[in-house]
Protein backbone atom coordinates (compact mmCIF):
# COMPACT_ATOMS: atom_id res chain seq x y z
CA MET A 1 14.00 32.85 23.54
CA GLU A 2 16.16 35.67 24.83
CA GLN A 3 15.82 36.08 28.59
CA THR A 4 17.18 38.44 31.21
CA VAL A 5 19.42 36.97 33.91
CA VAL A 6 20.04 39.03 37.06
CA ILE A 7 23.25 38.12 38.89
CA THR A 8 23.73 39.60 42.34
CA VAL A 9 27.04 40.50 43.92
CA SER A 10 29.13 40.28 40.78
CA PRO A 11 32.75 40.92 41.65
CA VAL A 12 35.21 40.72 38.79
CA ASP A 13 36.20 37.12 39.57
CA TRP A 14 32.61 35.97 39.00
CA VAL A 15 32.52 37.51 35.53
CA LYS A 16 34.10 34.58 33.74
CA ALA A 17 32.31 31.94 35.78
CA LEU A 18 28.77 33.31 35.46
CA GLN A 19 28.10 36.28 33.23
CA ARG A 20 30.01 35.28 30.11
CA PRO A 21 28.25 31.92 29.61
CA PHE A 22 24.86 33.61 29.86
CA LEU A 23 25.90 36.39 27.50
CA LYS A 24 27.47 33.98 25.02
CA GLY A 25 24.22 32.02 25.15
CA GLY A 26 22.37 35.09 23.88
CA HIS A 27 20.80 36.22 27.14
CA ARG A 28 20.75 39.73 28.53
CA VAL A 29 22.52 40.05 31.88
CA VAL A 30 22.02 42.52 34.72
CA ILE A 31 24.92 42.45 37.15
CA ASN A 32 24.94 43.77 40.68
CA ALA A 33 27.60 44.58 43.23
CA THR A 34 27.24 46.41 46.51
CA THR A 35 29.22 49.42 45.31
CA GLN A 36 29.21 51.48 42.14
CA GLU A 37 32.95 50.84 41.83
CA GLY A 38 32.48 47.05 41.99
CA THR A 39 29.69 47.18 39.44
CA ALA A 40 31.74 49.39 37.10
CA GLU A 41 34.75 47.08 37.39
CA ALA A 42 32.66 44.06 36.40
CA LEU A 43 31.06 45.99 33.52
CA LYS A 44 34.51 46.89 32.16
CA LYS A 45 35.25 43.19 31.75
CA LEU A 46 32.02 42.72 29.77
CA ILE A 47 32.17 45.79 27.51
CA ARG A 48 32.38 43.69 24.35
CA PHE A 49 28.82 42.48 24.96
CA GLY A 50 27.56 46.06 24.60
CA THR A 51 23.87 46.61 25.26
CA LYS A 52 23.33 43.00 26.39
CA VAL A 53 24.79 43.79 29.81
CA TYR A 54 23.68 46.34 32.39
CA GLY A 55 24.88 47.05 35.93
CA VAL A 56 23.05 48.17 39.06
CA ALA A 57 24.84 48.89 42.35
CA GLY A 58 23.09 48.07 45.62
CA ASP A 59 23.28 45.97 48.74
CA VAL A 60 20.83 43.10 48.19
CA ARG A 61 20.60 42.48 51.92
CA MET A 62 18.24 45.45 51.84
CA ARG A 63 14.75 44.97 50.43
CA ASP A 64 14.71 48.38 48.71
CA ALA A 65 17.94 47.50 46.86
CA VAL A 66 16.39 44.24 45.61
CA GLU A 67 13.27 46.10 44.49
CA HIS A 68 15.44 48.68 42.71
CA LEU A 69 17.46 45.91 41.04
CA CYS A 70 14.30 44.17 39.78
CA ALA A 71 12.77 47.42 38.59
CA SER A 72 16.00 48.41 36.83
CA ALA A 73 16.20 45.04 35.04
CA ALA A 74 12.57 45.35 33.95
CA GLN A 75 13.06 48.93 32.80
CA GLN A 76 16.26 48.14 30.87
CA PHE A 77 15.28 44.80 29.33
CA GLY A 78 11.55 44.37 29.90
CA SER A 79 11.78 41.63 32.52
CA ALA A 80 13.83 39.83 35.16
CA ASP A 81 13.40 36.21 34.02
CA ASN A 82 16.12 34.45 35.99
CA TRP A 83 17.98 35.26 39.17
CA VAL A 84 21.40 34.03 40.33
CA ASN A 85 21.79 35.12 43.93
CA ASN A 86 25.34 34.95 45.23
CA ALA A 87 24.73 36.97 48.39
CA GLY A 88 22.07 38.38 50.63
CA ILE A 89 19.86 36.98 53.33
CA VAL A 90 16.61 35.07 53.19
CA HIS A 91 13.39 36.92 53.95
CA PRO A 92 10.71 34.20 54.15
CA GLN A 93 7.90 36.70 54.54
CA GLY A 94 8.62 38.25 51.13
CA SER A 95 9.90 35.22 49.25
CA GLY A 96 9.17 35.51 45.55
CA LYS A 97 6.86 38.53 45.72
CA ILE A 98 9.33 41.00 44.23
CA LEU A 99 10.26 38.74 41.31
CA GLN A 100 6.61 38.01 40.55
CA GLU A 101 5.98 41.72 40.12
CA TYR A 102 8.82 42.23 37.61
CA GLY A 103 9.15 38.81 35.93
């Protein structure tokens, strides 16, 4: 079953290590970096995967950026099934609530 994987803070050096295996495995991937430039740079490395990859800029230390990232994944691909978090801080009071809404 094709699933959507959201990978936060995706600088170019993470592309080979994380995104490509998911994409080669047939999954859709939403990548995130704190800046539009960082997101665009990572997307350039994944252009051959076409519509299977999507990028959203935002600082995932901020709750509204996480909500936007989840909503964008759901809007683009219908869901946010899996999450690989490489950065951010833990917010125990909201743990899991955002993903439940969009997953």
